[in-house]
Amino acid sequence: MTQRTSAERPYLSIGEVLGLLLEEFPEITISKIRFLESQGLIVPERTASGYRKFYDDDVERLRYILTEQKDKFLPLRVIKDRLLQLAPNVPNHVA
């Protein structure tokens, strides 16, 4: 059984997202991505076996969160409120 590459599927794994954002955000880790998910800031889909599936919109949302933290030093609560204003229909785990 061969693994499909990101070129063959429309989503990225958490490791691929990390690789994509690492140069721009050297402080990012898989743990931080999982933490942001636990706080309801990102809500990636899951495969049947539980792996996260990050689509382009998820990556852009993550990039926005990290930029707000890095450039404006905003707390997660403020970032979450701004995300709700920008995209009120995006699901959140924690209100």
N, C-alpha and C. Protein backbone atom coordinates (compact mmCIF):
# COMPACT_ATOMS: atom_id res chain seq x y z
N MET A 1 0.85 -1.19 0.00
CA MET A 1 0.00 0.00 0.00
C MET A 1 0.89 1.25 0.00
N THR A 2 0.68 2.14 -0.92
CA THR A 2 1.49 3.35 -1.00
C THR A 2 0.73 4.52 -0.42
N GLN A 3 1.47 5.47 0.18
CA GLN A 3 0.86 6.67 0.70
C GLN A 3 0.65 7.66 -0.43
N ARG A 4 -0.47 8.35 -0.35
CA ARG A 4 -0.72 9.40 -1.32
C ARG A 4 0.03 10.65 -0.90
N THR A 5 0.51 11.39 -1.86
CA THR A 5 1.21 12.63 -1.56
C THR A 5 0.22 13.79 -1.59
N SER A 6 0.65 14.93 -1.06
CA SER A 6 -0.23 16.09 -1.03
C SER A 6 -0.61 16.54 -2.44
N ALA A 7 0.21 16.21 -3.44
CA ALA A 7 -0.13 16.57 -4.82
C ALA A 7 -1.31 15.75 -5.33
N GLU A 8 -1.56 14.60 -4.72
CA GLU A 8 -2.64 13.72 -5.15
C GLU A 8 -3.91 13.88 -4.33
N ARG A 9 -3.86 14.64 -3.27
CA ARG A 9 -5.04 14.84 -2.43
C ARG A 9 -5.21 16.33 -2.13
N PRO A 10 -6.44 16.75 -1.86
CA PRO A 10 -6.71 18.19 -1.70
C PRO A 10 -6.39 18.74 -0.32
N TYR A 11 -5.81 17.95 0.56
CA TYR A 11 -5.54 18.42 1.92
C TYR A 11 -4.12 18.05 2.34
N LEU A 12 -3.68 18.67 3.44
CA LEU A 12 -2.36 18.43 3.99
C LEU A 12 -2.48 17.79 5.37
N SER A 13 -1.48 17.03 5.74
CA SER A 13 -1.40 16.48 7.09
C SER A 13 -0.84 17.57 8.01
N ILE A 14 -0.91 17.34 9.31
CA ILE A 14 -0.38 18.31 10.26
C ILE A 14 1.13 18.51 10.07
N GLY A 15 1.85 17.45 9.75
CA GLY A 15 3.29 17.57 9.49
C GLY A 15 3.58 18.38 8.24
N GLU A 16 2.76 18.23 7.22
CA GLU A 16 2.94 19.00 5.99
C GLU A 16 2.63 20.48 6.23
N VAL A 17 1.62 20.76 7.06
CA VAL A 17 1.31 22.15 7.41
C VAL A 17 2.48 22.76 8.18
N LEU A 18 3.02 22.01 9.11
CA LEU A 18 4.19 22.47 9.87
C LEU A 18 5.33 22.83 8.91
N GLY A 19 5.63 21.95 7.99
CA GLY A 19 6.69 22.21 7.02
C GLY A 19 6.44 23.44 6.17
N LEU A 20 5.18 23.66 5.84
CA LEU A 20 4.80 24.81 5.02
C LEU A 20 4.97 26.14 5.77
N LEU A 21 4.69 26.14 7.07
CA LEU A 21 4.69 27.38 7.85
C LEU A 21 5.98 27.64 8.63
N LEU A 22 6.84 26.65 8.72
CA LEU A 22 8.01 26.73 9.59
C LEU A 22 8.96 27.88 9.25
N GLU A 23 9.17 28.13 8.00
CA GLU A 23 10.09 29.21 7.62
C GLU A 23 9.54 30.57 8.03
N GLU A 24 8.23 30.77 7.83
CA GLU A 24 7.59 32.04 8.16
C GLU A 24 7.38 32.19 9.68
N PHE A 25 7.15 31.06 10.35
CA PHE A 25 6.88 31.05 11.80
C PHE A 25 7.77 30.00 12.46
N PRO A 26 9.03 30.32 12.72
CA PRO A 26 9.96 29.31 13.24
C PRO A 26 9.57 28.75 14.60
N GLU A 27 8.71 29.45 15.33
CA GLU A 27 8.30 28.98 16.65
C GLU A 27 7.16 27.96 16.60
N ILE A 28 6.59 27.73 15.43
CA ILE A 28 5.46 26.81 15.30
C ILE A 28 5.90 25.36 15.52
N THR A 29 5.06 24.62 16.20
CA THR A 29 5.29 23.20 16.42
C THR A 29 3.97 22.46 16.21
N ILE A 30 4.05 21.17 16.08
CA ILE A 30 2.83 20.37 15.98
C ILE A 30 2.01 20.54 17.25
N SER A 31 2.68 20.60 18.39
CA SER A 31 1.97 20.80 19.66
C SER A 31 1.19 22.11 19.67
N LYS A 32 1.78 23.16 19.12
CA LYS A 32 1.09 24.45 19.08
C LYS A 32 -0.12 24.39 18.17
N ILE A 33 0.00 23.72 17.04
CA ILE A 33 -1.14 23.57 16.13
C ILE A 33 -2.26 22.81 16.85
N ARG A 34 -1.90 21.74 17.55
CA ARG A 34 -2.91 20.98 18.31
C ARG A 34 -3.52 21.84 19.41
N PHE A 35 -2.71 22.66 20.07
CA PHE A 35 -3.21 23.55 21.12
C PHE A 35 -4.23 24.54 20.54
N LEU A 36 -3.90 25.15 19.41
CA LEU A 36 -4.82 26.09 18.78
C LEU A 36 -6.14 25.40 18.42
N GLU A 37 -6.04 24.15 18.02
CA GLU A 37 -7.25 23.38 17.75
C GLU A 37 -8.03 23.16 19.05
N SER A 38 -7.35 22.81 20.13
CA SER A 38 -8.03 22.56 21.41
C SER A 38 -8.72 23.81 21.94
N GLN A 39 -8.23 24.98 21.53
CA GLN A 39 -8.82 26.25 21.94
C GLN A 39 -9.94 26.71 21.00
N GLY A 40 -10.22 25.92 19.97
CA GLY A 40 -11.30 26.23 19.05
C GLY A 40 -10.97 27.26 17.99
N LEU A 41 -9.69 27.55 17.81
CA LEU A 41 -9.30 28.54 16.81
C LEU A 41 -9.23 27.96 15.41
N ILE A 42 -8.89 26.70 15.31
CA ILE A 42 -8.91 26.00 14.03
C ILE A 42 -9.68 24.70 14.24
N VAL A 43 -10.34 24.26 13.19
CA VAL A 43 -11.16 23.05 13.29
C VAL A 43 -10.95 22.22 12.03
N PRO A 44 -9.80 21.55 11.93
CA PRO A 44 -9.57 20.75 10.73
C PRO A 44 -10.48 19.52 10.72
N GLU A 45 -10.83 19.10 9.53
CA GLU A 45 -11.58 17.85 9.39
C GLU A 45 -10.70 16.70 9.86
N ARG A 46 -11.31 15.56 10.06
CA ARG A 46 -10.57 14.35 10.44
C ARG A 46 -10.88 13.24 9.46
N THR A 47 -9.88 12.38 9.25
CA THR A 47 -10.11 11.18 8.45
C THR A 47 -10.86 10.18 9.33
N ALA A 48 -11.29 9.08 8.74
CA ALA A 48 -11.98 8.04 9.50
C ALA A 48 -11.09 7.50 10.61
N SER A 49 -9.79 7.53 10.42
CA SER A 49 -8.86 7.02 11.44
C SER A 49 -8.39 8.12 12.39
N GLY A 50 -8.92 9.33 12.26
CA GLY A 50 -8.63 10.39 13.22
C GLY A 50 -7.53 11.37 12.85
N TYR A 51 -6.91 11.21 11.68
CA TYR A 51 -5.86 12.14 11.27
C TYR A 51 -6.48 13.46 10.83
N ARG A 52 -5.79 14.55 11.14
CA ARG A 52 -6.27 15.87 10.74
C ARG A 52 -6.08 16.08 9.24
N LYS A 53 -7.05 16.76 8.64
CA LYS A 53 -6.99 17.12 7.21
C LYS A 53 -7.07 18.64 7.12
N PHE A 54 -5.98 19.26 6.71
CA PHE A 54 -5.93 20.71 6.59
C PHE A 54 -6.07 21.10 5.13
N TYR A 55 -7.12 21.84 4.84
CA TYR A 55 -7.35 22.38 3.49
C TYR A 55 -6.75 23.78 3.43
N ASP A 56 -6.76 24.37 2.24
CA ASP A 56 -6.17 25.71 2.06
C ASP A 56 -6.76 26.73 3.04
N ASP A 57 -8.07 26.70 3.24
CA ASP A 57 -8.71 27.64 4.17
C ASP A 57 -8.20 27.46 5.60
N ASP A 58 -7.97 26.22 5.99
CA ASP A 58 -7.45 25.95 7.33
C ASP A 58 -6.04 26.52 7.49
N VAL A 59 -5.22 26.35 6.47
CA VAL A 59 -3.84 26.85 6.52
C VAL A 59 -3.85 28.38 6.56
N GLU A 60 -4.71 29.01 5.77
CA GLU A 60 -4.79 30.48 5.79
C GLU A 60 -5.29 30.99 7.13
N ARG A 61 -6.23 30.29 7.73
CA ARG A 61 -6.73 30.67 9.06
C ARG A 61 -5.60 30.54 10.09
N LEU A 62 -4.85 29.47 10.02
CA LEU A 62 -3.71 29.27 10.92
C LEU A 62 -2.66 30.36 10.71
N ARG A 63 -2.40 30.69 9.47
CA ARG A 63 -1.43 31.75 9.16
C ARG A 63 -1.90 33.10 9.74
N TYR A 64 -3.20 33.38 9.64
CA TYR A 64 -3.77 34.60 10.21
C TYR A 64 -3.56 34.62 11.72
N ILE A 65 -3.87 33.52 12.40
CA ILE A 65 -3.72 33.43 13.85
C ILE A 65 -2.27 33.68 14.25
N LEU A 66 -1.35 33.02 13.59
CA LEU A 66 0.06 33.15 13.93
C LEU A 66 0.59 34.55 13.66
N THR A 67 0.11 35.17 12.60
CA THR A 67 0.51 36.55 12.27
C THR A 67 -0.01 37.52 13.32
N GLU A 68 -1.25 37.36 13.74
CA GLU A 68 -1.81 38.23 14.76
C GLU A 68 -1.03 38.10 16.07
N GLN A 69 -0.63 36.89 16.40
CA GLN A 69 0.16 36.68 17.61
C GLN A 69 1.55 37.31 17.48
N LYS A 70 2.18 37.05 16.35
CA LYS A 70 3.57 37.47 16.14
C LYS A 70 3.70 38.99 15.96
N ASP A 71 2.85 39.57 15.12
CA ASP A 71 2.99 40.98 14.76
C ASP A 71 2.27 41.93 15.71
N LYS A 72 1.14 41.48 16.27
CA LYS A 72 0.33 42.37 17.10
C LYS A 72 0.29 41.94 18.57
N PHE A 73 0.90 40.81 18.87
CA PHE A 73 0.96 40.31 20.25
C PHE A 73 -0.42 40.16 20.88
N LEU A 74 -1.39 39.77 20.07
CA LEU A 74 -2.76 39.65 20.57
C LEU A 74 -2.96 38.34 21.30
N PRO A 75 -3.75 38.36 22.38
CA PRO A 75 -4.09 37.11 23.06
C PRO A 75 -5.06 36.29 22.22
N LEU A 76 -5.09 35.00 22.47
CA LEU A 76 -5.94 34.10 21.68
C LEU A 76 -7.41 34.48 21.75
N ARG A 77 -7.89 34.94 22.88
CA ARG A 77 -9.31 35.32 23.02
C ARG A 77 -9.65 36.44 22.02
N VAL A 78 -8.78 37.42 21.90
CA VAL A 78 -9.01 38.53 20.96
C VAL A 78 -8.96 38.03 19.52
N ILE A 79 -8.00 37.19 19.23
CA ILE A 79 -7.89 36.62 17.88
C ILE A 79 -9.15 35.82 17.55
N LYS A 80 -9.61 35.04 18.49
CA LYS A 80 -10.81 34.23 18.28
C LYS A 80 -12.01 35.12 18.00
N ASP A 81 -12.16 36.21 18.76
CA ASP A 81 -13.26 37.14 18.53
C ASP A 81 -13.17 37.77 17.14
N ARG A 82 -11.97 38.12 16.72
CA ARG A 82 -11.79 38.69 15.38
C ARG A 82 -12.13 37.68 14.29
N LEU A 83 -11.74 36.43 14.52
CA LEU A 83 -12.07 35.38 13.54
C LEU A 83 -13.58 35.21 13.43
N LEU A 84 -14.27 35.28 14.55
CA LEU A 84 -15.73 35.16 14.53
C LEU A 84 -16.37 36.31 13.75
N GLN A 85 -15.78 37.50 13.85
CA GLN A 85 -16.29 38.65 13.10
C GLN A 85 -16.02 38.50 11.60
N LEU A 86 -14.84 37.97 11.27
CA LEU A 86 -14.47 37.81 9.87
C LEU A 86 -15.24 36.67 9.19
N ALA A 87 -15.43 35.58 9.90
CA ALA A 87 -16.06 34.39 9.33
C ALA A 87 -16.99 33.77 10.37
N PRO A 88 -18.17 34.34 10.57
CA PRO A 88 -19.05 33.84 11.64
C PRO A 88 -19.57 32.43 11.42
N ASN A 89 -19.50 31.91 10.22
CA ASN A 89 -20.03 30.57 9.95
C ASN A 89 -18.98 29.47 10.06
N VAL A 90 -17.73 29.83 10.38
CA VAL A 90 -16.70 28.82 10.56
C VAL A 90 -16.91 28.20 11.93
N PRO A 91 -16.99 26.86 12.00
CA PRO A 91 -17.27 26.23 13.29
C PRO A 91 -16.17 26.47 14.32
N ASN A 92 -16.60 26.57 15.57
CA ASN A 92 -15.69 26.71 16.71
C ASN A 92 -16.05 25.67 17.74
N HIS A 93 -15.05 25.09 18.37
CA HIS A 93 -15.29 24.14 19.45
C HIS A 93 -15.60 24.86 20.76
N VAL A 94 -14.92 25.99 20.98
CA VAL A 94 -15.06 26.70 22.24
C VAL A 94 -15.57 28.09 21.94
N ALA A 95 -16.66 28.46 22.52
CA ALA A 95 -17.23 29.78 22.25
C ALA A 95 -16.67 30.82 23.18
